[in-house]
């Protein structure tokens, strides 16, 4: 009951009803981008930004590990 009382107070502060607050909450919930959708969008952006890729462009092992080769 405490939650409902606080909801009624919040609704009164916003000059609306509890039902309108719930309706607005549910509408906003459906409009937000899910984490999965956000990750999909970001992946498409990254893949779209890659102009070309060749396996031969890879760094050598020593360069990756920032090591000096023994001579």
N, C-alpha and C. Protein backbone atom coordinates (compact mmCIF):
# COMPACT_ATOMS: atom_id res chain seq x y z
N UNK A 1 0.80 -1.20 0.00
CA UNK A 1 0.00 0.00 0.00
C UNK A 1 0.85 1.26 0.00
N UNK A 2 2.06 1.18 0.54
CA UNK A 2 2.94 2.34 0.57
C UNK A 2 3.29 2.79 -0.85
N UNK A 3 3.49 1.83 -1.75
CA UNK A 3 3.82 2.17 -3.14
C UNK A 3 2.66 2.92 -3.78
N UNK A 4 1.45 2.43 -3.54
CA UNK A 4 0.28 3.08 -4.12
C UNK A 4 0.11 4.49 -3.56
N UNK A 5 0.34 4.66 -2.25
CA UNK A 5 0.23 5.98 -1.64
C UNK A 5 1.23 6.95 -2.26
N UNK A 6 2.46 6.49 -2.44
CA UNK A 6 3.48 7.34 -3.05
C UNK A 6 3.13 7.65 -4.51
N UNK A 7 2.54 6.68 -5.20
CA UNK A 7 2.12 6.91 -6.59
C UNK A 7 1.02 7.96 -6.64
N UNK A 8 0.08 7.91 -5.70
CA UNK A 8 -0.99 8.92 -5.65
C UNK A 8 -0.42 10.31 -5.39
N UNK A 9 0.57 10.39 -4.50
CA UNK A 9 1.21 11.68 -4.22
C UNK A 9 1.91 12.20 -5.47
N UNK A 10 2.65 11.32 -6.14
CA UNK A 10 3.37 11.72 -7.36
C UNK A 10 2.38 12.17 -8.44
N UNK A 11 1.29 11.45 -8.58
CA UNK A 11 0.26 11.82 -9.56
C UNK A 11 -0.32 13.19 -9.23
N UNK A 12 -0.59 13.44 -7.96
CA UNK A 12 -1.14 14.73 -7.56
C UNK A 12 -0.15 15.85 -7.83
N UNK A 13 1.14 15.58 -7.58
CA UNK A 13 2.16 16.60 -7.86
C UNK A 13 2.20 16.95 -9.34
N UNK A 14 1.92 15.95 -10.20
CA UNK A 14 1.96 16.16 -11.66
C UNK A 14 0.58 16.48 -12.22
N UNK A 15 -0.41 16.69 -11.34
CA UNK A 15 -1.78 17.01 -11.74
C UNK A 15 -2.31 15.98 -12.74
N UNK A 16 -2.16 14.71 -12.38
CA UNK A 16 -2.63 13.62 -13.24
C UNK A 16 -3.15 12.50 -12.35
N UNK A 17 -3.46 11.36 -12.94
CA UNK A 17 -3.95 10.21 -12.18
C UNK A 17 -2.88 9.12 -12.12
N UNK A 18 -3.09 8.18 -11.20
CA UNK A 18 -2.18 7.03 -11.11
C UNK A 18 -2.26 6.22 -12.40
N UNK A 19 -3.44 6.08 -12.94
CA UNK A 19 -3.61 5.34 -14.20
C UNK A 19 -2.82 5.99 -15.32
N UNK A 20 -2.82 7.31 -15.37
CA UNK A 20 -2.07 8.02 -16.40
C UNK A 20 -0.57 7.82 -16.20
N UNK A 21 -0.12 7.82 -14.95
CA UNK A 21 1.30 7.56 -14.68
C UNK A 21 1.69 6.16 -15.15
N UNK A 22 0.85 5.18 -14.86
CA UNK A 22 1.13 3.79 -15.26
C UNK A 22 1.13 3.69 -16.78
N UNK A 23 0.15 4.31 -17.42
CA UNK A 23 0.07 4.28 -18.89
C UNK A 23 1.33 4.89 -19.50
N UNK A 24 1.77 6.04 -18.98
CA UNK A 24 2.98 6.70 -19.49
C UNK A 24 4.22 5.82 -19.28
N UNK A 25 4.30 5.20 -18.09
CA UNK A 25 5.43 4.30 -17.81
C UNK A 25 5.47 3.15 -18.80
N UNK A 26 4.32 2.52 -19.04
CA UNK A 26 4.28 1.37 -19.96
C UNK A 26 4.58 1.78 -21.39
N UNK A 27 4.12 2.94 -21.80
CA UNK A 27 4.40 3.42 -23.16
C UNK A 27 5.90 3.69 -23.32
N UNK A 28 6.51 4.30 -22.32
CA UNK A 28 7.95 4.57 -22.37
C UNK A 28 8.75 3.28 -22.35
N UNK A 29 8.29 2.32 -21.61
CA UNK A 29 8.97 1.03 -21.52
C UNK A 29 9.03 0.36 -22.89
N UNK A 30 7.95 0.43 -23.64
CA UNK A 30 7.90 -0.19 -24.96
C UNK A 30 8.70 0.57 -26.00
N UNK A 31 8.94 1.86 -25.79
CA UNK A 31 9.64 2.67 -26.77
C UNK A 31 11.15 2.60 -26.63
N UNK A 32 11.64 2.25 -25.45
CA UNK A 32 13.07 2.23 -25.22
C UNK A 32 13.73 1.10 -26.00
N UNK A 33 14.92 1.36 -26.44
CA UNK A 33 15.71 0.38 -27.16
C UNK A 33 16.25 -0.65 -26.16
N UNK A 34 16.02 -1.92 -26.44
CA UNK A 34 16.53 -2.95 -25.53
C UNK A 34 18.05 -3.05 -25.66
N UNK A 35 18.66 -3.68 -24.69
CA UNK A 35 20.11 -3.87 -24.72
C UNK A 35 20.51 -4.65 -25.97
N UNK A 36 19.74 -5.68 -26.29
CA UNK A 36 20.02 -6.49 -27.48
C UNK A 36 19.93 -5.64 -28.75
N UNK A 37 18.89 -4.82 -28.85
CA UNK A 37 18.72 -3.96 -30.02
C UNK A 37 19.85 -2.93 -30.12
N UNK A 38 20.25 -2.39 -28.97
CA UNK A 38 21.34 -1.42 -28.96
C UNK A 38 22.64 -2.06 -29.44
N UNK A 39 22.91 -3.27 -28.97
CA UNK A 39 24.13 -3.97 -29.38
C UNK A 39 24.10 -4.32 -30.87
N UNK A 40 22.94 -4.71 -31.38
CA UNK A 40 22.80 -4.99 -32.81
C UNK A 40 23.08 -3.73 -33.63
N UNK A 41 22.50 -2.61 -33.21
CA UNK A 41 22.71 -1.35 -33.92
C UNK A 41 24.18 -0.96 -33.92
N UNK A 42 24.82 -1.09 -32.76
CA UNK A 42 26.24 -0.74 -32.65
C UNK A 42 27.10 -1.65 -33.53
N UNK A 43 26.77 -2.94 -33.58
CA UNK A 43 27.53 -3.87 -34.41
C UNK A 43 27.40 -3.49 -35.89
N UNK A 44 26.20 -3.15 -36.31
CA UNK A 44 26.00 -2.75 -37.70
C UNK A 44 26.79 -1.48 -38.02
N UNK A 45 26.85 -0.54 -37.07
CA UNK A 45 27.61 0.69 -37.29
C UNK A 45 29.09 0.39 -37.43
N UNK A 46 29.61 -0.46 -36.58
CA UNK A 46 31.04 -0.80 -36.63
C UNK A 46 31.36 -1.55 -37.92
N UNK A 47 30.56 -2.54 -38.25
CA UNK A 47 30.81 -3.30 -39.48
C UNK A 47 30.67 -2.41 -40.71
N UNK A 48 29.76 -1.45 -40.67
CA UNK A 48 29.60 -0.53 -41.78
C UNK A 48 30.76 0.43 -41.93
N UNK A 49 31.50 0.66 -40.85
CA UNK A 49 32.62 1.60 -40.89
C UNK A 49 33.91 0.94 -41.40
N UNK A 50 33.94 -0.40 -41.47
CA UNK A 50 35.13 -1.10 -41.95
C UNK A 50 35.13 -1.06 -43.47
N UNK A 51 36.15 -0.43 -44.02
CA UNK A 51 36.22 -0.28 -45.48
C UNK A 51 36.78 -1.53 -46.17
N UNK A 52 37.85 -2.05 -45.62
CA UNK A 52 38.42 -3.27 -46.18
C UNK A 52 39.16 -4.02 -45.09
N UNK A 53 39.28 -5.31 -45.28
CA UNK A 53 39.97 -6.14 -44.31
C UNK A 53 40.72 -7.23 -45.06
N UNK A 54 41.99 -7.39 -44.71
CA UNK A 54 42.79 -8.46 -45.29
C UNK A 54 43.52 -9.16 -44.15
N UNK A 55 43.59 -10.48 -44.21
CA UNK A 55 44.28 -11.24 -43.19
C UNK A 55 45.77 -10.89 -43.17
N UNK A 56 46.33 -10.50 -44.31
CA UNK A 56 47.74 -10.15 -44.40
C UNK A 56 48.09 -8.86 -43.67
N UNK A 57 47.08 -8.09 -43.28
CA UNK A 57 47.32 -6.83 -42.57
C UNK A 57 47.56 -7.03 -41.08
N UNK A 58 47.54 -8.28 -40.64
CA UNK A 58 47.71 -8.54 -39.20
C UNK A 58 49.12 -8.19 -38.75
N UNK A 59 49.23 -7.85 -37.47
CA UNK A 59 50.53 -7.56 -36.87
C UNK A 59 51.28 -8.86 -36.61
N UNK A 60 52.58 -8.77 -36.59
CA UNK A 60 53.40 -9.92 -36.25
C UNK A 60 53.30 -10.16 -34.75
N UNK A 61 53.64 -11.35 -34.33
CA UNK A 61 53.53 -11.75 -32.92
C UNK A 61 54.30 -10.81 -32.01
N UNK A 62 55.54 -10.49 -32.36
CA UNK A 62 56.36 -9.61 -31.52
C UNK A 62 55.75 -8.21 -31.39
N UNK A 63 55.18 -7.73 -32.46
CA UNK A 63 54.57 -6.40 -32.41
C UNK A 63 53.33 -6.41 -31.52
N UNK A 64 52.60 -7.50 -31.54
CA UNK A 64 51.39 -7.59 -30.70
C UNK A 64 51.78 -7.56 -29.23
N UNK A 65 52.81 -8.31 -28.89
CA UNK A 65 53.22 -8.43 -27.49
C UNK A 65 54.28 -7.42 -27.10
N UNK A 66 54.59 -6.51 -28.01
CA UNK A 66 55.57 -5.46 -27.78
C UNK A 66 56.90 -6.05 -27.28
N UNK A 67 57.36 -7.07 -27.98
CA UNK A 67 58.60 -7.73 -27.61
C UNK A 67 59.66 -7.46 -28.67
N UNK A 68 60.87 -7.47 -28.25
CA UNK A 68 61.99 -7.41 -29.20
C UNK A 68 62.43 -8.83 -29.50
N UNK A 69 62.61 -9.12 -30.76
CA UNK A 69 63.07 -10.46 -31.13
C UNK A 69 64.53 -10.64 -30.73
N UNK A 70 64.82 -11.82 -30.24
CA UNK A 70 66.23 -12.13 -29.88
C UNK A 70 67.03 -12.25 -31.16
N UNK A 71 68.24 -11.72 -31.14
CA UNK A 71 69.07 -11.77 -32.34
C UNK A 71 70.18 -12.73 -32.18
